[in-house]
Amino acid sequence: MRRPLTKREQRAINALLNGAVMRENLDFIAGCSNSPELVAGLRRKGLSVPCERVERFDKDGNSCWPGRYSFTQEDRVLARELGA
């Protein structure tokens, strides 16, 4: 038996159903400060939630590679089954 989705998980899933989300944005959307752990919880529920590293530049102009989360087609089906 699967545990029900938390409100944070629900918000994250709803956002990801609308498209890819940068890690920092997912923190804000879900209402947490550690979205990688939130995503790990979604993965434990069976979602794959791939993370693509994309080049960005920090405030000092240095290159960095934050993550952008998205859903696979299979994730979209499972997310709806989970009650999203």
C-alpha atoms as a PDB file:
ATOM      1  CA  MET A   1       0.000   0.000   0.000  1.00  0.00           C
ATOM      2  CA  ARG A   2       1.340   3.403  -0.968  1.00  0.00           C
ATOM      3  CA  ARG A   3       1.407   6.241   1.487  1.00  0.00           C
ATOM      4  CA  PRO A   4      -0.717   9.201   0.447  1.00  0.00           C
ATOM      5  CA  LEU A   5       0.982  12.199  -1.113  1.00  0.00           C
ATOM      6  CA  THR A   6       2.026  15.017   1.183  1.00  0.00           C
ATOM      7  CA  LYS A   7       0.972  18.544   0.283  1.00  0.00           C
ATOM      8  CA  ARG A   8       4.564  19.282  -0.771  1.00  0.00           C
ATOM      9  CA  GLU A   9       4.633  16.210  -3.000  1.00  0.00           C
ATOM     10  CA  GLN A  10       1.289  17.198  -4.501  1.00  0.00           C
ATOM     11  CA  ARG A  11       2.528  20.714  -5.297  1.00  0.00           C
ATOM     12  CA  ALA A  12       5.742  19.333  -6.826  1.00  0.00           C
ATOM     13  CA  ILE A  13       3.851  16.821  -8.954  1.00  0.00           C
ATOM     14  CA  ASN A  14       1.396  19.441 -10.176  1.00  0.00           C
ATOM     15  CA  ALA A  15       4.298  21.702 -11.179  1.00  0.00           C
ATOM     16  CA  LEU A  16       6.149  18.885 -12.954  1.00  0.00           C
ATOM     17  CA  LEU A  17       2.992  17.896 -14.830  1.00  0.00           C
ATOM     18  CA  ASN A  18       3.145  21.388 -16.355  1.00  0.00           C
ATOM     19  CA  GLY A  19       6.762  20.994 -17.516  1.00  0.00           C
ATOM     20  CA  ALA A  20      10.390  20.938 -16.397  1.00  0.00           C
ATOM     21  CA  VAL A  21      11.248  22.866 -13.215  1.00  0.00           C
ATOM     22  CA  MET A  22      14.612  24.166 -12.011  1.00  0.00           C
ATOM     23  CA  ARG A  23      15.651  22.907  -8.582  1.00  0.00           C
ATOM     24  CA  GLU A  24      15.513  26.354  -6.966  1.00  0.00           C
ATOM     25  CA  ASN A  25      12.042  26.957  -8.364  1.00  0.00           C
ATOM     26  CA  LEU A  26      10.830  23.589  -7.083  1.00  0.00           C
ATOM     27  CA  ASP A  27      11.898  24.602  -3.565  1.00  0.00           C
ATOM     28  CA  PHE A  28       9.680  27.662  -3.809  1.00  0.00           C
ATOM     29  CA  ILE A  29       6.749  25.908  -5.497  1.00  0.00           C
ATOM     30  CA  ALA A  30       6.700  22.962  -3.105  1.00  0.00           C
ATOM     31  CA  GLY A  31       7.334  25.075  -0.016  1.00  0.00           C
ATOM     32  CA  CYS A  32      10.552  23.390   1.057  1.00  0.00           C
ATOM     33  CA  SER A  33      14.268  24.139   1.164  1.00  0.00           C
ATOM     34  CA  ASN A  34      15.542  20.738  -0.006  1.00  0.00           C
ATOM     35  CA  SER A  35      13.783  19.741  -3.203  1.00  0.00           C
ATOM     36  CA  PRO A  36      16.372  17.016  -3.989  1.00  0.00           C
ATOM     37  CA  GLU A  37      15.107  15.131  -0.908  1.00  0.00           C
ATOM     38  CA  LEU A  38      11.513  15.808  -1.961  1.00  0.00           C
ATOM     39  CA  VAL A  39      12.295  14.340  -5.396  1.00  0.00           C
ATOM     40  CA  ALA A  40      13.993  11.362  -3.726  1.00  0.00           C
ATOM     41  CA  GLY A  41      10.696  10.718  -1.933  1.00  0.00           C
ATOM     42  CA  LEU A  42       8.812  10.852  -5.234  1.00  0.00           C
ATOM     43  CA  ARG A  43      11.297   8.370  -6.663  1.00  0.00           C
ATOM     44  CA  ARG A  44      10.634   6.035  -3.739  1.00  0.00           C
ATOM     45  CA  LYS A  45       6.973   6.166  -4.775  1.00  0.00           C
ATOM     46  CA  GLY A  46       7.915   4.881  -8.225  1.00  0.00           C
ATOM     47  CA  LEU A  47       8.426   8.053 -10.257  1.00  0.00           C
ATOM     48  CA  SER A  48      11.730   8.384 -12.117  1.00  0.00           C
ATOM     49  CA  VAL A  49      11.893  12.227 -12.192  1.00  0.00           C
ATOM     50  CA  PRO A  50      15.029  12.673 -14.321  1.00  0.00           C
ATOM     51  CA  CYS A  51      17.359  15.531 -13.476  1.00  0.00           C
ATOM     52  CA  GLU A  52      19.109  17.264 -16.340  1.00  0.00           C
ATOM     53  CA  ARG A  53      22.109  19.426 -15.494  1.00  0.00           C
ATOM     54  CA  VAL A  54      21.900  22.742 -17.354  1.00  0.00           C
ATOM     55  CA  GLU A  55      24.519  25.451 -17.584  1.00  0.00           C
ATOM     56  CA  ARG A  56      23.732  28.686 -15.801  1.00  0.00           C
ATOM     57  CA  PHE A  57      25.825  31.536 -14.495  1.00  0.00           C
ATOM     58  CA  ASP A  58      25.984  32.623 -10.869  1.00  0.00           C
ATOM     59  CA  LYS A  59      25.989  36.217  -9.591  1.00  0.00           C
ATOM     60  CA  ASP A  60      29.737  36.445 -10.201  1.00  0.00           C
ATOM     61  CA  GLY A  61      29.455  35.276 -13.795  1.00  0.00           C
ATOM     62  CA  ASN A  62      30.862  31.830 -13.087  1.00  0.00           C
ATOM     63  CA  SER A  63      29.455  28.832 -14.899  1.00  0.00           C
ATOM     64  CA  CYS A  64      27.495  26.368 -12.748  1.00  0.00           C
ATOM     65  CA  TRP A  65      25.307  23.357 -13.498  1.00  0.00           C
ATOM     66  CA  PRO A  66      22.086  23.274 -11.458  1.00  0.00           C
ATOM     67  CA  GLY A  67      19.473  20.594 -11.988  1.00  0.00           C
ATOM     68  CA  ARG A  68      16.209  20.798 -13.883  1.00  0.00           C
ATOM     69  CA  TYR A  69      13.622  18.145 -12.977  1.00  0.00           C
ATOM     70  CA  SER A  70      11.032  16.789 -15.373  1.00  0.00           C
ATOM     71  CA  PHE A  71       8.633  13.896 -15.806  1.00  0.00           C
ATOM     72  CA  THR A  72       8.861  11.071 -18.305  1.00  0.00           C
ATOM     73  CA  GLN A  73       5.684   9.968 -20.073  1.00  0.00           C
ATOM     74  CA  GLU A  74       5.530   7.051 -17.622  1.00  0.00           C
ATOM     75  CA  ASP A  75       5.846   9.493 -14.719  1.00  0.00           C
ATOM     76  CA  ARG A  76       2.866  11.446 -16.012  1.00  0.00           C
ATOM     77  CA  VAL A  77       0.708   8.319 -16.003  1.00  0.00           C
ATOM     78  CA  LEU A  78       1.859   7.258 -12.515  1.00  0.00           C
ATOM     79  CA  ALA A  79       1.476  10.807 -11.147  1.00  0.00           C
ATOM     80  CA  ARG A  80      -2.173  10.758 -12.148  1.00  0.00           C
ATOM     81  CA  GLU A  81      -2.595   7.316 -10.578  1.00  0.00           C
ATOM     82  CA  LEU A  82      -1.058   8.636  -7.343  1.00  0.00           C
ATOM     83  CA  GLY A  83      -3.848  11.187  -7.189  1.00  0.00           C
ATOM     84  CA  ALA A  84      -2.310  14.272  -8.754  1.00  0.00           C
END
